[in-house]
Amino acid sequence: MAAFRRYVVIIGILTVVHPVIPMNVRVVTYGLVSGATLIPLGMLLRTLHGGHRRPWQILFAAMSVLTVANALTPLFGREHQLVAENLMTVGHAILLVAAIKLVLRRGSNDIGGIIDVSVAAMGLGGVLWILLIHPRMEAMAAGNAEQIAVLVSLLVLVGVLGALARVWMVADRRLLAVELLIVALVVSLIGNTILAMSTGSMTTGRPGWIEMLFLLAYLCVGAAPLHHSARELTSPGPDPVDRLTVGRLTFLGVALVANPVAGGARELVGLDADGPLLVLGSLLVAPLVMVRVGRLAWQREQAEQALVHQATHDALTGLPNRAELLTRLTEALDRERASGRPAVVLLFCDLNGFKAVNDRLGHVAGDRLLTEVGARIRTGLRAGDTLARYGGDEFLVLCEESAQQQAVARLSEHIDAALTEPFLLAGEPVRISASVGAMVSSGDADPDELITRADQAMYRAKQRRKAALAGAGVLEGVPERSAA
């Protein structure tokens, strides 16, 4: 905090005395304060790593461009004014990118929020241009190039302000670094508006008190990275709920039509339509709206996919559930009948000793066992095979293969191998086996009949296993199976 205070005091003194010092000295102090913002930004970048550096790197680039733009005309004369104006516009555009990166780092699910606020802010900026700035620049006979440069800078600045305001609005605690950046943008916007209305330019003819506003903005930009909250800006924050309510849609609609309506209103009262605003406003806002619509479409698609997955998959294991298995089995039998060749193979698996695990280690361990059994059996299955949780400790494997008996042998051996190694539950190894009933389709069975026959084959295997355990002590880890 000591560096923060020293920076604020030193730059604050230079800012306050700026209007009263000689003109030839102002050029030096203005350049010093403008360039001084790069020092704290560089200091912060040295302490950050990875993705945390990117927003501040972009802000460093933006301030570098703005520093050059500020120095160009005073050092080399008015013949470089248009170049300086264009550099100012580029610097403001890079500022917008930096603000967007900050928002994306703070909340990756808030893309819709930043777009909404930025679009609304640009709409308000367009109204400000129509009512105040453009008439004044027209009265001063400012050229089209100067007007376009001022307009683009205005729209980008208000877009940046909206993006940072969104970061501030969704923060779960006070972040002074964000507040300083917002103050910097507000002061810069006020200064640029007054300058454009009084001189028709943002880089020349600036009185000392106007330059003091810009120096105050640079003070805030330089102080922000020195505050400890700056490091939090690039850390994930709370994810706000993105609901496109009726009120929010209405607000966005008004913001979108504000500029075209204002431009049309000028023609209705006998004035020329504001071509630069209509063109540039559309070019800046339309991509944001397209991204917003695309984001909404993506969110809807994700929600639909999540609902479909919930309806067709088991919540515990993530495997297809009974309903989805019936759907896939029905489709497989339809394909089988259409081809005229039997190819459907169904294995019904029931875990042996699962109830004992639940009783001895608890239901949490039992749930984990089911999940791990499903994961083991699923690993190594072919792309067209389906493993589903039918219910309780029952799993079904569906396969389409013309060599049906070979498929039965392959899948049975796979289940054997999957359950051979013990499972580590509640800190101890637990062995479990499965009774497996395999059924191959002859081409005329319906889904329910095939499942029933596979279930019956599984129970015959389970009964044989119980008899073997009673008479010969068969190892628990060896699955028993029956084919029919």
Protein backbone atom coordinates (compact mmCIF):
# COMPACT_ATOMS: atom_id res chain seq x y z
CA MET A 1 0.00 0.00 0.00
CA ALA A 2 2.99 2.34 0.48
CA ALA A 3 3.68 2.35 -3.27
CA PHE A 4 -0.01 3.03 -3.90
CA ARG A 5 0.00 6.07 -1.59
CA ARG A 6 3.27 7.46 -2.97
CA TYR A 7 2.04 7.15 -6.53
CA VAL A 8 -1.28 8.85 -5.73
CA VAL A 9 0.45 11.71 -3.88
CA ILE A 10 3.12 12.38 -6.54
CA ILE A 11 0.85 12.11 -9.58
CA GLY A 12 -1.90 13.93 -7.68
CA ILE A 13 0.37 16.93 -7.09
CA LEU A 14 1.39 17.02 -10.76
CA THR A 15 -2.28 16.84 -11.73
CA VAL A 16 -3.39 19.67 -9.44
CA VAL A 17 -0.62 22.10 -10.45
CA HIS A 18 -0.87 21.27 -14.16
CA PRO A 19 -3.28 24.11 -15.13
CA VAL A 20 -1.14 26.82 -13.53
CA ILE A 21 2.31 25.86 -14.82
CA PRO A 22 3.76 27.37 -18.04
CA MET A 23 2.54 25.92 -21.34
CA ASN A 24 5.95 24.61 -22.39
CA VAL A 25 6.23 22.72 -19.08
CA ARG A 26 2.74 21.23 -19.41
CA VAL A 27 3.84 19.19 -22.41
CA VAL A 28 6.53 17.58 -20.26
CA THR A 29 4.33 16.93 -17.21
CA TYR A 30 1.49 15.60 -19.36
CA GLY A 31 3.83 13.15 -21.05
CA LEU A 32 5.36 12.13 -17.72
CA VAL A 33 1.99 11.42 -16.09
CA SER A 34 0.71 9.62 -19.18
CA GLY A 35 3.82 7.47 -19.48
CA ALA A 36 4.01 6.92 -15.70
CA THR A 37 0.97 4.62 -15.89
CA LEU A 38 3.19 2.05 -17.59
CA ILE A 39 5.42 1.71 -14.51
CA PRO A 40 2.80 0.28 -12.07
CA LEU A 41 1.34 -1.82 -14.86
CA GLY A 42 4.78 -3.27 -15.54
CA MET A 43 5.33 -3.87 -11.81
CA LEU A 44 2.06 -5.80 -11.57
CA LEU A 45 2.85 -7.87 -14.66
CA ARG A 46 6.12 -9.02 -13.06
CA THR A 47 4.16 -10.59 -10.19
CA LEU A 48 1.52 -12.36 -12.31
CA HIS A 49 1.75 -15.58 -14.29
CA GLY A 50 -0.19 -17.38 -16.99
CA GLY A 51 -3.67 -16.20 -17.88
CA HIS A 52 -3.67 -13.68 -15.03
CA ARG A 53 -1.23 -11.53 -17.02
CA ARG A 54 -3.24 -11.22 -20.24
CA PRO A 55 -5.78 -8.48 -19.29
CA TRP A 56 -3.05 -6.31 -17.78
CA GLN A 57 -0.80 -6.89 -20.78
CA ILE A 58 -3.58 -5.63 -23.03
CA LEU A 59 -4.14 -2.62 -20.75
CA PHE A 60 -0.38 -1.94 -20.87
CA ALA A 61 -0.55 -1.97 -24.68
CA ALA A 62 -3.58 0.36 -24.66
CA MET A 63 -1.86 2.88 -22.39
CA SER A 64 1.29 2.72 -24.53
CA VAL A 65 -0.72 3.61 -27.64
CA LEU A 66 -2.57 6.41 -25.83
CA THR A 67 0.72 7.81 -24.50
CA VAL A 68 2.11 7.98 -28.03
CA ALA A 69 -1.12 9.57 -29.30
CA ASN A 70 -0.96 12.23 -26.59
CA ALA A 71 2.65 13.08 -27.39
CA LEU A 72 2.43 13.04 -31.19
CA THR A 73 0.80 16.41 -31.89
CA PRO A 74 2.60 18.46 -29.19
CA LEU A 75 5.97 17.12 -30.32
CA PHE A 76 5.55 17.08 -34.10
CA GLY A 77 2.84 19.64 -34.86
CA ARG A 78 -0.76 19.74 -36.11
CA GLU A 79 0.09 17.99 -39.37
CA HIS A 80 0.08 14.76 -37.33
CA GLN A 81 -3.30 15.49 -35.71
CA LEU A 82 -5.26 12.92 -37.74
CA VAL A 83 -2.68 10.23 -37.00
CA ALA A 84 -2.94 11.09 -33.31
CA GLU A 85 -6.75 10.91 -33.47
CA ASN A 86 -6.57 7.48 -35.10
CA LEU A 87 -4.06 6.27 -32.51
CA MET A 88 -6.42 7.51 -29.79
CA THR A 89 -9.21 5.45 -31.35
CA VAL A 90 -6.98 2.38 -31.51
CA GLY A 91 -5.98 2.86 -27.87
CA HIS A 92 -9.61 3.07 -26.79
CA ALA A 93 -10.43 -0.09 -28.78
CA ILE A 94 -7.61 -1.95 -27.01
CA LEU A 95 -9.04 -0.67 -23.71
CA LEU A 96 -12.33 -2.35 -24.61
CA VAL A 97 -10.52 -5.63 -25.26
CA ALA A 98 -8.76 -5.33 -21.88
CA ALA A 99 -12.08 -4.72 -20.12
CA ILE A 100 -13.65 -7.72 -21.84
CA LYS A 101 -10.71 -9.91 -20.81
CA LEU A 102 -11.14 -8.75 -17.21
CA VAL A 103 -14.82 -9.63 -17.27
CA LEU A 104 -14.14 -13.03 -18.82
CA ARG A 105 -11.57 -13.77 -16.13
CA ARG A 106 -13.91 -12.69 -13.32
CA GLY A 107 -16.91 -14.64 -14.60
CA SER A 108 -16.78 -16.81 -17.71
CA ASN A 109 -20.56 -17.24 -17.58
CA ASP A 110 -21.21 -13.49 -17.70
CA ILE A 111 -20.67 -12.97 -21.42
CA GLY A 112 -24.33 -12.09 -21.85
CA GLY A 113 -24.15 -9.53 -19.05
CA ILE A 114 -21.21 -7.63 -20.48
CA ILE A 115 -22.74 -7.59 -23.96
CA ASP A 116 -26.05 -6.27 -22.65
CA VAL A 117 -24.43 -3.47 -20.67
CA SER A 118 -22.02 -2.57 -23.49
CA VAL A 119 -24.83 -2.39 -26.06
CA ALA A 120 -26.91 -0.22 -23.75
CA ALA A 121 -23.93 2.03 -23.04
CA MET A 122 -23.21 2.44 -26.76
CA GLY A 123 -26.84 3.35 -27.33
CA LEU A 124 -26.57 6.09 -24.71
CA GLY A 125 -23.29 7.21 -26.26
CA GLY A 126 -25.04 7.56 -29.60
CA VAL A 127 -27.71 9.76 -28.03
CA LEU A 128 -24.97 11.89 -26.46
CA TRP A 129 -23.36 12.23 -29.88
CA ILE A 130 -26.58 13.28 -31.60
CA LEU A 131 -27.75 15.75 -28.98
CA LEU A 132 -24.48 17.41 -27.98
CA ILE A 133 -21.30 16.54 -29.83
CA HIS A 134 -22.30 16.19 -33.48
CA PRO A 135 -24.22 19.51 -33.74
CA ARG A 136 -21.27 21.31 -32.18
CA MET A 137 -18.72 19.71 -34.51
CA GLU A 138 -20.94 20.51 -37.49
CA ALA A 139 -21.06 24.14 -36.38
CA MET A 140 -17.25 24.18 -36.24
CA ALA A 141 -17.11 22.68 -39.77
CA ALA A 142 -15.12 19.68 -38.54
CA GLY A 143 -14.19 17.26 -41.32
CA ASN A 144 -15.67 13.78 -41.71
CA ALA A 145 -12.41 12.12 -40.66
CA GLU A 146 -12.31 14.08 -37.40
CA GLN A 147 -15.98 13.37 -36.70
CA ILE A 148 -15.57 9.65 -37.33
CA ALA A 149 -12.50 9.47 -35.07
CA VAL A 150 -14.34 11.24 -32.25
CA LEU A 151 -17.49 9.13 -32.71
CA VAL A 152 -15.64 5.80 -32.67
CA SER A 153 -13.68 6.82 -29.58
CA LEU A 154 -16.90 7.90 -27.86
CA LEU A 155 -18.73 4.64 -28.60
CA VAL A 156 -15.75 2.50 -27.62
CA LEU A 157 -15.20 4.46 -24.41
CA VAL A 158 -18.80 4.04 -23.29
CA GLY A 159 -18.60 0.35 -24.22
CA VAL A 160 -15.51 -0.03 -22.03
CA LEU A 161 -17.29 1.83 -19.23
CA GLY A 162 -20.24 -0.53 -19.49
CA ALA A 163 -17.99 -3.60 -19.38
CA LEU A 164 -16.20 -2.44 -16.24
CA ALA A 165 -19.46 -1.35 -14.64
CA ARG A 166 -20.66 -4.94 -15.12
CA VAL A 167 -17.57 -6.23 -13.28
CA TRP A 168 -18.33 -3.84 -10.44
CA MET A 169 -22.04 -4.76 -10.32
CA VAL A 170 -21.49 -8.52 -9.99
CA ALA A 171 -18.56 -8.34 -7.53
CA ASP A 172 -19.24 -10.03 -4.20
CA ARG A 173 -17.07 -7.49 -2.36
CA ARG A 174 -15.58 -4.07 -2.97
CA LEU A 175 -12.76 -3.98 -5.52
CA LEU A 176 -11.04 -0.58 -5.42
CA ALA A 177 -9.07 -1.36 -8.58
CA VAL A 178 -12.33 -1.66 -10.55
CA GLU A 179 -13.67 1.55 -9.06
CA LEU A 180 -10.48 3.40 -10.03
CA LEU A 181 -10.71 2.15 -13.61
CA ILE A 182 -14.37 3.20 -13.80
CA VAL A 183 -13.54 6.68 -12.47
CA ALA A 184 -10.75 6.92 -15.04
CA LEU A 185 -13.14 6.12 -17.86
CA VAL A 186 -15.87 8.48 -16.63
CA VAL A 187 -13.41 11.37 -16.30
CA SER A 188 -11.88 10.55 -19.70
CA LEU A 189 -15.33 10.43 -21.28
CA ILE A 190 -16.26 13.81 -19.80
CA GLY A 191 -12.99 15.35 -20.94
CA ASN A 192 -13.25 13.96 -24.47
CA THR A 193 -16.86 15.11 -24.78
CA ILE A 194 -16.03 18.66 -23.69
CA LEU A 195 -12.94 18.71 -25.91
CA ALA A 196 -14.81 17.48 -28.97
CA MET A 197 -17.55 20.07 -28.45
CA SER A 198 -15.11 22.94 -27.90
CA THR A 199 -12.31 22.21 -30.38
CA GLY A 200 -13.57 19.41 -32.63
CA SER A 201 -10.52 17.33 -31.69
CA MET A 202 -9.37 15.12 -28.83
CA THR A 203 -5.64 15.83 -29.14
CA THR A 204 -5.18 19.55 -29.86
CA GLY A 205 -6.27 22.85 -28.35
CA ARG A 206 -6.70 21.43 -24.87
CA PRO A 207 -6.90 24.00 -22.05
CA GLY A 208 -5.07 23.19 -18.83
CA TRP A 209 -8.17 22.29 -16.84
CA ILE A 210 -9.27 19.80 -19.51
CA GLU A 211 -5.83 18.22 -19.47
CA MET A 212 -6.15 18.00 -15.69
CA LEU A 213 -9.19 15.74 -16.18
CA PHE A 214 -7.15 13.43 -18.38
CA LEU A 215 -4.30 13.43 -15.88
CA LEU A 216 -6.79 12.44 -13.18
CA ALA A 217 -7.86 9.54 -15.41
CA TYR A 218 -4.23 8.48 -15.86
CA LEU A 219 -3.72 8.73 -12.10
CA CYS A 220 -6.57 6.27 -11.54
CA VAL A 221 -5.30 3.89 -14.24
CA GLY A 222 -1.81 3.92 -12.72
CA ALA A 223 -3.05 3.54 -9.14
CA ALA A 224 -5.34 0.57 -9.92
CA PRO A 225 -2.57 -2.03 -10.48
CA LEU A 226 -0.80 -0.89 -7.29
CA HIS A 227 -3.80 -1.81 -5.12
CA HIS A 228 -4.01 -5.39 -3.84
CA SER A 229 -7.50 -5.81 -5.30
CA ALA A 230 -6.00 -5.67 -8.81
CA ARG A 231 -4.84 -9.28 -8.43
CA GLU A 232 -8.40 -10.37 -7.67
CA LEU A 233 -9.67 -8.98 -10.97
CA THR A 234 -8.11 -11.84 -12.89
CA SER A 235 -9.30 -14.52 -10.45
CA PRO A 236 -12.67 -16.24 -11.00
CA GLY A 237 -15.49 -14.44 -9.24
CA PRO A 238 -19.17 -15.25 -8.66
CA ASP A 239 -21.13 -16.32 -11.72
CA PRO A 240 -24.19 -14.08 -12.02
CA VAL A 241 -27.51 -15.53 -13.13
CA ASP A 242 -28.05 -14.61 -16.78
CA ARG A 243 -31.81 -14.19 -17.17
CA LEU A 244 -33.08 -12.31 -20.20
CA THR A 245 -36.20 -10.89 -18.52
CA VAL A 246 -38.89 -8.80 -20.19
CA GLY A 247 -37.50 -5.65 -18.59
CA ARG A 248 -33.99 -6.47 -19.76
CA LEU A 249 -35.17 -7.21 -23.29
CA THR A 250 -37.12 -3.95 -23.37
CA PHE A 251 -34.08 -2.01 -22.19
CA LEU A 252 -31.89 -3.64 -24.84
CA GLY A 253 -34.49 -3.00 -27.51
CA VAL A 254 -34.59 0.70 -26.65
CA ALA A 255 -30.79 0.84 -26.72
CA LEU A 256 -30.68 -0.83 -30.14
CA VAL A 257 -33.22 1.47 -31.79
CA ALA A 258 -32.07 4.68 -30.08
CA ASN A 259 -29.54 5.63 -32.76
CA PRO A 260 -31.67 4.79 -35.84
CA VAL A 261 -34.68 6.57 -34.32
CA ALA A 262 -32.59 9.62 -33.48
CA GLY A 263 -31.13 9.64 -36.99
CA GLY A 264 -34.60 9.38 -38.52
CA ALA A 265 -35.90 12.13 -36.25
CA ARG A 266 -33.29 14.49 -37.68
CA GLU A 267 -34.68 13.95 -41.17
CA LEU A 268 -38.25 14.48 -39.95
CA VAL A 269 -37.33 17.95 -38.70
CA GLY A 270 -35.50 18.84 -41.90
CA LEU A 271 -31.93 18.02 -40.83
CA ASP A 272 -29.53 15.65 -42.52
CA ALA A 273 -29.39 12.12 -41.14
CA ASP A 274 -26.25 11.34 -39.16
CA GLY A 275 -24.61 8.87 -41.54
CA PRO A 276 -21.45 8.18 -39.50
CA LEU A 277 -23.50 7.30 -36.41
CA LEU A 278 -25.87 5.01 -38.31
CA VAL A 279 -23.01 3.18 -40.03
CA LEU A 280 -20.48 3.02 -37.19
CA GLY A 281 -23.09 2.39 -34.51
CA SER A 282 -24.40 -0.57 -36.49
CA LEU A 283 -20.89 -1.90 -37.17
CA LEU A 284 -20.03 -1.81 -33.47
CA VAL A 285 -23.34 -3.00 -32.03
CA ALA A 286 -24.35 -5.64 -34.60
CA PRO A 287 -21.43 -8.03 -33.82
CA LEU A 288 -22.20 -7.77 -30.09
CA VAL A 289 -25.86 -8.58 -30.72
CA MET A 290 -24.88 -11.53 -32.94
CA VAL A 291 -22.61 -12.88 -30.20
CA ARG A 292 -25.43 -12.38 -27.67
CA VAL A 293 -27.93 -14.27 -29.84
CA GLY A 294 -25.36 -16.99 -30.48
CA ARG A 295 -24.71 -17.21 -26.74
CA LEU A 296 -28.43 -17.60 -26.03
CA ALA A 297 -28.73 -20.28 -28.70
CA TRP A 298 -25.74 -22.12 -27.22
CA GLN A 299 -27.19 -21.88 -23.70
CA ARG A 300 -30.52 -23.23 -24.92
CA GLU A 301 -28.82 -26.08 -26.76
CA GLN A 302 -26.79 -26.91 -23.65
CA ALA A 303 -29.93 -26.87 -21.50
CA GLU A 304 -31.77 -29.14 -23.96
CA GLN A 305 -28.84 -31.55 -24.07
CA ALA A 306 -28.70 -31.58 -20.27
CA LEU A 307 -32.41 -32.36 -20.06
CA VAL A 308 -32.10 -35.14 -22.63
CA HIS A 309 -29.12 -36.58 -20.77
CA GLN A 310 -31.00 -36.47 -17.46
CA ALA A 311 -33.97 -38.25 -19.05
CA THR A 312 -31.90 -40.97 -20.72
CA HIS A 313 -29.02 -41.58 -18.30
CA ASP A 314 -28.63 -42.89 -14.77
CA ALA A 315 -27.85 -40.09 -12.32
CA LEU A 316 -25.43 -42.19 -10.25
CA THR A 317 -23.29 -43.95 -12.85
CA GLY A 318 -23.84 -41.72 -15.89
CA LEU A 319 -24.73 -44.82 -17.93
CA PRO A 320 -27.80 -45.07 -20.16
CA ASN A 321 -30.86 -45.88 -18.05
CA ARG A 322 -33.63 -48.44 -18.56
CA ALA A 323 -35.67 -46.21 -20.89
CA GLU A 324 -32.67 -45.43 -23.08
CA LEU A 325 -31.70 -49.11 -23.21
CA LEU A 326 -35.21 -50.04 -24.39
CA THR A 327 -34.98 -47.36 -27.07
CA ARG A 328 -31.60 -48.59 -28.32
CA LEU A 329 -32.66 -52.24 -28.14
CA THR A 330 -35.82 -51.50 -30.14
CA GLU A 331 -33.78 -49.67 -32.79
CA ALA A 332 -31.27 -52.55 -32.93
CA LEU A 333 -34.04 -55.13 -33.42
CA ASP A 334 -35.59 -52.94 -36.15
CA ARG A 335 -32.25 -52.82 -37.97
CA GLU A 336 -31.91 -56.58 -37.51
CA ARG A 337 -35.31 -57.25 -39.08
CA ALA A 338 -34.59 -54.83 -41.93
CA SER A 339 -31.32 -56.61 -42.77
CA GLY A 340 -32.78 -60.11 -42.39
CA ARG A 341 -29.72 -61.28 -40.41
CA PRO A 342 -29.78 -61.95 -36.63
CA ALA A 343 -27.18 -59.73 -34.97
CA VAL A 344 -28.50 -58.57 -31.56
CA VAL A 345 -26.77 -59.85 -28.41
CA LEU A 346 -27.94 -58.96 -24.88
CA LEU A 347 -26.16 -59.72 -21.61
CA PHE A 348 -27.97 -59.33 -18.27
CA CYS A 349 -25.53 -58.85 -15.34
CA ASP A 350 -26.44 -59.00 -11.65
CA LEU A 351 -23.78 -58.31 -9.01
CA ASN A 352 -23.17 -61.03 -6.44
CA GLY A 353 -22.69 -59.90 -2.85
CA PHE A 354 -23.75 -56.30 -3.43
CA LYS A 355 -26.27 -56.35 -0.55
CA ALA A 356 -23.55 -57.51 1.83
CA VAL A 357 -21.37 -54.55 0.80
CA ASN A 358 -24.26 -52.14 1.43
CA ASP A 359 -25.02 -53.68 4.82
CA ARG A 360 -21.41 -53.80 5.99
CA LEU A 361 -19.91 -50.59 4.52
CA GLY A 362 -22.98 -48.42 4.00
CA HIS A 363 -24.90 -47.04 1.04
CA VAL A 364 -22.21 -44.50 0.14
CA ALA A 365 -19.74 -47.32 -0.41
CA GLY A 366 -22.42 -49.24 -2.31
CA ASP A 367 -23.04 -46.29 -4.62
CA ARG A 368 -19.32 -45.94 -5.23
CA LEU A 369 -19.10 -49.65 -6.03
CA LEU A 370 -21.87 -49.35 -8.63
CA THR A 371 -20.13 -46.36 -10.20
CA GLU A 372 -16.77 -48.12 -10.38
CA VAL A 373 -18.28 -51.35 -11.72
CA GLY A 374 -19.97 -49.36 -14.48
CA ALA A 375 -16.74 -47.51 -15.28
CA ARG A 376 -14.70 -50.73 -15.44
CA ILE A 377 -17.11 -52.59 -17.68
CA ARG A 378 -17.61 -49.57 -19.95
CA THR A 379 -13.85 -49.21 -20.42
CA GLY A 380 -12.79 -51.38 -23.34
CA LEU A 381 -16.22 -51.89 -24.91
CA ARG A 382 -16.45 -51.35 -28.65
CA ALA A 383 -17.88 -48.13 -30.05
CA GLY A 384 -21.22 -49.70 -30.96
CA ASP A 385 -21.72 -51.54 -27.66
CA THR A 386 -24.07 -50.15 -24.99
CA LEU A 387 -23.69 -50.63 -21.24
CA ALA A 388 -26.78 -49.55 -19.28
CA ARG A 389 -27.78 -49.60 -15.64
CA TYR A 390 -31.10 -51.40 -15.62
CA GLY A 391 -31.83 -50.82 -11.94
CA GLY A 392 -30.35 -51.58 -8.52
CA ASP A 393 -27.24 -53.69 -9.06
CA GLU A 394 -28.30 -54.88 -12.54
CA PHE A 395 -26.42 -53.91 -15.71
CA LEU A 396 -27.24 -54.81 -19.33
CA VAL A 397 -24.83 -54.93 -22.27
CA LEU A 398 -26.25 -54.56 -25.78
CA CYS A 399 -24.23 -55.50 -28.84
CA GLU A 400 -24.93 -55.77 -32.58
CA GLU A 401 -22.68 -58.35 -34.21
CA SER A 402 -23.47 -61.02 -36.79
CA ALA A 403 -21.09 -63.48 -35.07
CA GLN A 404 -23.36 -63.62 -32.04
CA GLN A 405 -21.73 -66.45 -30.08
CA GLN A 406 -18.31 -64.85 -30.51
CA ALA A 407 -19.76 -61.61 -29.19
CA VAL A 408 -21.16 -63.46 -26.15
CA ALA A 409 -17.73 -64.94 -25.42
CA ARG A 410 -15.97 -61.59 -25.94
CA LEU A 411 -18.31 -59.64 -23.67
CA SER A 412 -18.40 -62.35 -20.98
CA GLU A 413 -14.61 -62.45 -20.84
CA HIS A 414 -14.55 -58.65 -20.70
CA ILE A 415 -16.88 -58.63 -17.68
CA ASP A 416 -14.76 -61.33 -16.00
CA ALA A 417 -11.61 -59.26 -16.50
CA ALA A 418 -13.29 -56.02 -15.36
CA LEU A 419 -14.34 -57.51 -12.00
CA THR A 420 -11.26 -59.61 -11.27
CA GLU A 421 -9.33 -56.91 -9.41
CA PRO A 422 -10.73 -55.91 -6.00
CA PHE A 423 -12.41 -52.54 -5.42
CA LEU A 424 -11.06 -50.24 -2.71
CA LEU A 425 -14.06 -49.22 -0.60
CA ALA A 426 -13.92 -47.47 2.79
CA GLY A 427 -10.21 -48.16 2.93
CA GLU A 428 -10.36 -51.93 2.32
CA PRO A 429 -10.27 -54.12 -0.81
CA VAL A 430 -13.60 -55.68 -1.72
CA ARG A 431 -14.05 -58.47 -4.26
CA ILE A 432 -17.28 -58.82 -6.14
CA SER A 433 -18.53 -60.97 -8.99
CA ALA A 434 -21.46 -60.98 -11.38
CA SER A 435 -23.92 -63.58 -12.58
CA VAL A 436 -24.39 -63.07 -16.32
CA GLY A 437 -27.18 -64.30 -18.56
CA ALA A 438 -26.60 -63.95 -22.31
CA MET A 439 -29.33 -64.02 -24.95
CA VAL A 440 -28.96 -63.82 -28.72
CA SER A 441 -31.81 -62.73 -30.94
CA SER A 442 -33.19 -64.99 -33.62
CA GLY A 443 -34.72 -62.06 -35.48
CA ASP A 444 -38.32 -62.33 -34.28
CA ALA A 445 -38.17 -61.35 -30.57
CA ASP A 446 -39.45 -58.06 -29.18
CA PRO A 447 -37.39 -56.00 -26.66
CA ASP A 448 -39.31 -57.05 -23.54
CA GLU A 449 -39.15 -60.71 -24.48
CA LEU A 450 -35.40 -60.58 -25.11
CA ILE A 451 -34.77 -58.85 -21.77
CA THR A 452 -36.98 -61.36 -19.93
CA ARG A 453 -35.16 -64.32 -21.43
CA ALA A 454 -31.75 -62.78 -20.63
CA ASP A 455 -32.97 -62.15 -17.06
CA GLN A 456 -34.05 -65.78 -16.74
CA ALA A 457 -30.67 -66.95 -18.01
CA MET A 458 -28.97 -64.74 -15.42
CA TYR A 459 -31.03 -66.25 -12.59
CA ARG A 460 -30.14 -69.76 -13.72
CA ALA A 461 -26.47 -68.75 -13.59
CA LYS A 462 -26.99 -67.26 -10.12
CA GLN A 463 -28.64 -70.46 -8.84
CA ARG A 464 -25.79 -72.58 -10.19
CA ARG A 465 -23.33 -70.25 -8.49
CA LYS A 466 -25.10 -70.58 -5.15
CA ALA A 467 -25.05 -74.35 -5.44
CA ALA A 468 -21.36 -74.31 -6.34
CA LEU A 469 -20.54 -72.07 -3.37
CA ALA A 470 -22.41 -74.35 -1.02
CA GLY A 471 -20.69 -77.47 -2.31
CA ALA A 472 -17.19 -76.42 -3.38
CA GLY A 473 -16.43 -72.85 -2.14
CA VAL A 474 -16.09 -71.12 -5.51
CA LEU A 475 -14.13 -67.84 -5.32
CA GLU A 476 -16.28 -64.70 -5.11
CA GLY A 477 -14.39 -62.98 -7.88
CA VAL A 478 -15.33 -65.49 -10.59
CA PRO A 479 -18.54 -64.50 -12.39
CA GLU A 480 -20.91 -67.24 -13.38
CA ARG A 481 -22.84 -66.99 -16.63
CA SER A 482 -25.33 -68.87 -18.72
CA ALA A 483 -26.07 -68.61 -22.42
CA ALA A 484 -29.23 -69.58 -24.18
